[in-house]
C-alpha atoms as a PDB file:
ATOM      1  CA  MET A   1      -1.129  29.950 -18.190  1.00  0.00           C
ATOM      2  CA  THR A   2       1.957  30.346 -16.023  1.00  0.00           C
ATOM      3  CA  GLU A   3       5.221  29.395 -17.688  1.00  0.00           C
ATOM      4  CA  PRO A   4       7.125  26.604 -15.907  1.00  0.00           C
ATOM      5  CA  THR A   5      10.101  27.679 -13.851  1.00  0.00           C
ATOM      6  CA  ALA A   6      13.309  25.927 -12.998  1.00  0.00           C
ATOM      7  CA  CYS A   7      16.538  26.675 -11.195  1.00  0.00           C
ATOM      8  CA  ARG A   8      19.783  27.594 -12.963  1.00  0.00           C
ATOM      9  CA  LEU A   9      23.075  26.823 -11.272  1.00  0.00           C
ATOM     10  CA  MET A  10      26.018  28.754 -12.688  1.00  0.00           C
ATOM     11  CA  VAL A  11      29.540  27.787 -11.679  1.00  0.00           C
ATOM     12  CA  ILE A  12      32.591  29.684 -12.936  1.00  0.00           C
ATOM     13  CA  VAL A  13      36.017  28.131 -12.438  1.00  0.00           C
ATOM     14  CA  GLU A  14      39.419  28.618 -13.991  1.00  0.00           C
ATOM     15  CA  GLU A  15      40.086  26.399 -16.972  1.00  0.00           C
ATOM     16  CA  ASP A  16      43.283  24.956 -15.504  1.00  0.00           C
ATOM     17  CA  THR A  17      41.737  23.891 -12.160  1.00  0.00           C
ATOM     18  CA  VAL A  18      41.905  20.116 -11.830  1.00  0.00           C
ATOM     19  CA  PHE A  19      40.296  17.382  -9.749  1.00  0.00           C
ATOM     20  CA  ASN A  20      41.913  13.922  -9.804  1.00  0.00           C
ATOM     21  CA  HIS A  21      44.108  14.929 -12.753  1.00  0.00           C
ATOM     22  CA  LYS A  22      41.120  16.012 -14.906  1.00  0.00           C
ATOM     23  CA  PRO A  23      39.688  19.475 -15.539  1.00  0.00           C
ATOM     24  CA  LEU A  24      37.305  20.445 -12.730  1.00  0.00           C
ATOM     25  CA  TYR A  25      34.634  21.593 -15.180  1.00  0.00           C
ATOM     26  CA  GLN A  26      34.565  18.090 -16.733  1.00  0.00           C
ATOM     27  CA  GLU A  27      34.083  16.531 -13.309  1.00  0.00           C
ATOM     28  CA  ILE A  28      31.205  18.902 -12.498  1.00  0.00           C
ATOM     29  CA  VAL A  29      29.429  18.090 -15.786  1.00  0.00           C
ATOM     30  CA  ARG A  30      30.022  14.345 -15.279  1.00  0.00           C
ATOM     31  CA  ARG A  31      28.609  14.470 -11.750  1.00  0.00           C
ATOM     32  CA  ALA A  32      25.585  16.445 -12.943  1.00  0.00           C
ATOM     33  CA  HIS A  33      24.964  13.748 -15.545  1.00  0.00           C
ATOM     34  CA  ASP A  34      25.451  10.949 -13.021  1.00  0.00           C
ATOM     35  CA  SER A  35      23.040  12.735 -10.654  1.00  0.00           C
ATOM     36  CA  GLY A  36      20.316  12.647 -13.297  1.00  0.00           C
ATOM     37  CA  LEU A  37      20.053  16.411 -13.708  1.00  0.00           C
ATOM     38  CA  ALA A  38      18.146  17.645 -16.769  1.00  0.00           C
ATOM     39  CA  GLY A  39      21.141  19.284 -18.422  1.00  0.00           C
ATOM     40  CA  ALA A  40      24.606  20.732 -17.969  1.00  0.00           C
ATOM     41  CA  SER A  41      26.936  22.562 -20.353  1.00  0.00           C
ATOM     42  CA  ALA A  42      30.415  24.053 -20.018  1.00  0.00           C
ATOM     43  CA  PHE A  43      31.416  27.211 -21.898  1.00  0.00           C
ATOM     44  CA  ARG A  44      34.961  28.526 -22.259  1.00  0.00           C
ATOM     45  CA  GLY A  45      35.357  32.246 -21.775  1.00  0.00           C
ATOM     46  CA  ILE A  46      37.394  34.303 -24.191  1.00  0.00           C
ATOM     47  CA  GLU A  47      38.200  37.053 -21.743  1.00  0.00           C
ATOM     48  CA  GLY A  48      37.525  37.907 -18.127  1.00  0.00           C
ATOM     49  CA  PHE A  49      38.780  38.799 -14.675  1.00  0.00           C
ATOM     50  CA  GLY A  50      37.908  37.798 -11.154  1.00  0.00           C
ATOM     51  CA  SER A  51      38.605  38.860  -7.604  1.00  0.00           C
ATOM     52  CA  SER A  52      42.349  39.005  -8.326  1.00  0.00           C
ATOM     53  CA  ARG A  53      41.560  41.732 -10.892  1.00  0.00           C
ATOM     54  CA  ASP A  54      44.007  40.038 -13.320  1.00  0.00           C
ATOM     55  CA  MET A  55      42.775  39.992 -16.920  1.00  0.00           C
ATOM     56  CA  HIS A  56      42.698  36.621 -18.653  1.00  0.00           C
ATOM     57  CA  THR A  57      42.279  36.567 -22.412  1.00  0.00           C
ATOM     58  CA  THR A  58      42.619  34.375 -25.495  1.00  0.00           C
ATOM     59  CA  ARG A  59      44.593  37.098 -27.263  1.00  0.00           C
ATOM     60  CA  ILE A  60      47.884  35.730 -28.549  1.00  0.00           C
ATOM     61  CA  LEU A  61      50.061  38.138 -26.574  1.00  0.00           C
ATOM     62  CA  SER A  62      48.568  36.946 -23.318  1.00  0.00           C
ATOM     63  CA  LEU A  63      49.185  33.206 -23.161  1.00  0.00           C
ATOM     64  CA  THR A  64      47.191  32.061 -20.172  1.00  0.00           C
ATOM     65  CA  ALA A  65      45.514  28.807 -19.204  1.00  0.00           C
ATOM     66  CA  GLN A  66      43.439  30.539 -16.551  1.00  0.00           C
ATOM     67  CA  LEU A  67      40.513  31.430 -18.775  1.00  0.00           C
ATOM     68  CA  PRO A  68      37.098  31.229 -17.162  1.00  0.00           C
ATOM     69  CA  VAL A  69      34.881  28.214 -17.762  1.00  0.00           C
ATOM     70  CA  MET A  70      31.192  28.602 -16.953  1.00  0.00           C
ATOM     71  CA  ILE A  71      29.121  25.516 -16.223  1.00  0.00           C
ATOM     72  CA  LEU A  72      25.349  25.936 -16.470  1.00  0.00           C
ATOM     73  CA  ILE A  73      23.000  23.373 -14.959  1.00  0.00           C
ATOM     74  CA  ILE A  74      19.221  23.685 -15.170  1.00  0.00           C
ATOM     75  CA  ASP A  75      16.636  21.530 -13.409  1.00  0.00           C
ATOM     76  CA  SER A  76      14.035  21.806 -10.658  1.00  0.00           C
ATOM     77  CA  GLU A  77      15.101  23.849  -7.652  1.00  0.00           C
ATOM     78  CA  GLN A  78      15.120  20.794  -5.384  1.00  0.00           C
ATOM     79  CA  LYS A  79      17.304  18.721  -7.719  1.00  0.00           C
ATOM     80  CA  VAL A  80      19.754  21.593  -8.157  1.00  0.00           C
ATOM     81  CA  ARG A  81      19.937  22.232  -4.410  1.00  0.00           C
ATOM     82  CA  ASP A  82      20.457  18.500  -3.808  1.00  0.00           C
ATOM     83  CA  PHE A  83      23.454  18.716  -6.175  1.00  0.00           C
ATOM     84  CA  LEU A  84      25.180  21.586  -4.300  1.00  0.00           C
ATOM     85  CA  PRO A  85      27.014  19.294  -1.801  1.00  0.00           C
ATOM     86  CA  GLN A  86      28.839  17.814  -4.821  1.00  0.00           C
ATOM     87  CA  LEU A  87      30.463  21.228  -5.335  1.00  0.00           C
ATOM     88  CA  ASP A  88      31.616  21.181  -1.705  1.00  0.00           C
ATOM     89  CA  GLU A  89      33.140  17.729  -2.249  1.00  0.00           C
ATOM     90  CA  LEU A  90      35.003  19.108  -5.265  1.00  0.00           C
ATOM     91  CA  ASP A  91      36.199  22.096  -3.219  1.00  0.00           C
ATOM     92  CA  VAL A  92      34.968  24.541  -5.867  1.00  0.00           C
ATOM     93  CA  ARG A  93      36.544  27.955  -5.298  1.00  0.00           C
ATOM     94  CA  GLY A  94      34.957  29.811  -8.178  1.00  0.00           C
ATOM     95  CA  VAL A  95      31.720  31.741  -8.452  1.00  0.00           C
ATOM     96  CA  VAL A  96      28.565  29.760  -7.710  1.00  0.00           C
ATOM     97  CA  ALA A  97      25.152  31.343  -8.275  1.00  0.00           C
ATOM     98  CA  LEU A  98      21.544  30.161  -8.334  1.00  0.00           C
ATOM     99  CA  ASP A  99      18.609  31.869  -9.965  1.00  0.00           C
ATOM    100  CA  GLU A 100      15.090  31.065 -11.071  1.00  0.00           C
ATOM    101  CA  VAL A 101      14.560  30.795 -14.818  1.00  0.00           C
ATOM    102  CA  GLU A 102      11.518  30.535 -17.026  1.00  0.00           C
ATOM    103  CA  ILE A 103      11.529  27.535 -19.352  1.00  0.00           C
ATOM    104  CA  VAL A 104      10.450  28.435 -22.890  1.00  0.00           C
ATOM    105  CA  TRP A 105      10.138  26.155 -25.893  1.00  0.00           C
ATOM    106  CA  PRO A 106       9.526  28.404 -28.909  1.00  0.00           C
ATOM    107  CA  GLY A 107       6.714  27.049 -31.058  1.00  0.00           C
ATOM    108  CA  HIS A 108       5.753  24.418 -28.497  1.00  0.00           C
ATOM    109  CA  ALA A 109       3.492  24.314 -25.494  1.00  0.00           C
ATOM    110  CA  PRO A 110       5.443  24.861 -22.235  1.00  0.00           C
ATOM    111  CA  LYS A 111       6.403  21.739 -20.319  1.00  0.00           C
ATOM    112  CA  ALA A 112       6.968  21.439 -16.595  1.00  0.00           C
ATOM    113  CA  VAL A 113      10.402  20.410 -15.328  1.00  0.00           C
ATOM    114  CA  GLN A 114      10.111  17.089 -13.526  1.00  0.00           C
END
């Protein structure tokens, strides 16, 4: 039996990026929820660097609010692709990546993503 597949959207933005006076990552998760996507989560990075090559870290000697936040959204490919224009509306300037993922429920029979 073939395992069900889905699409994973990964968006990485800086923690201090805002949209309408709220953190951008919160707005992305809210819009994903409002769009009926299967799930979305935001994760705060503890250290990283981007195209600027500047290191951002949670270490006390480097007080920065520009830590990376990664938002992961998983649903069917069509639903995820239909959501992409929302990122354009939000003028997302971070990393945006799509990939196919295999859905696995340990101890349970696989279920198809609707």
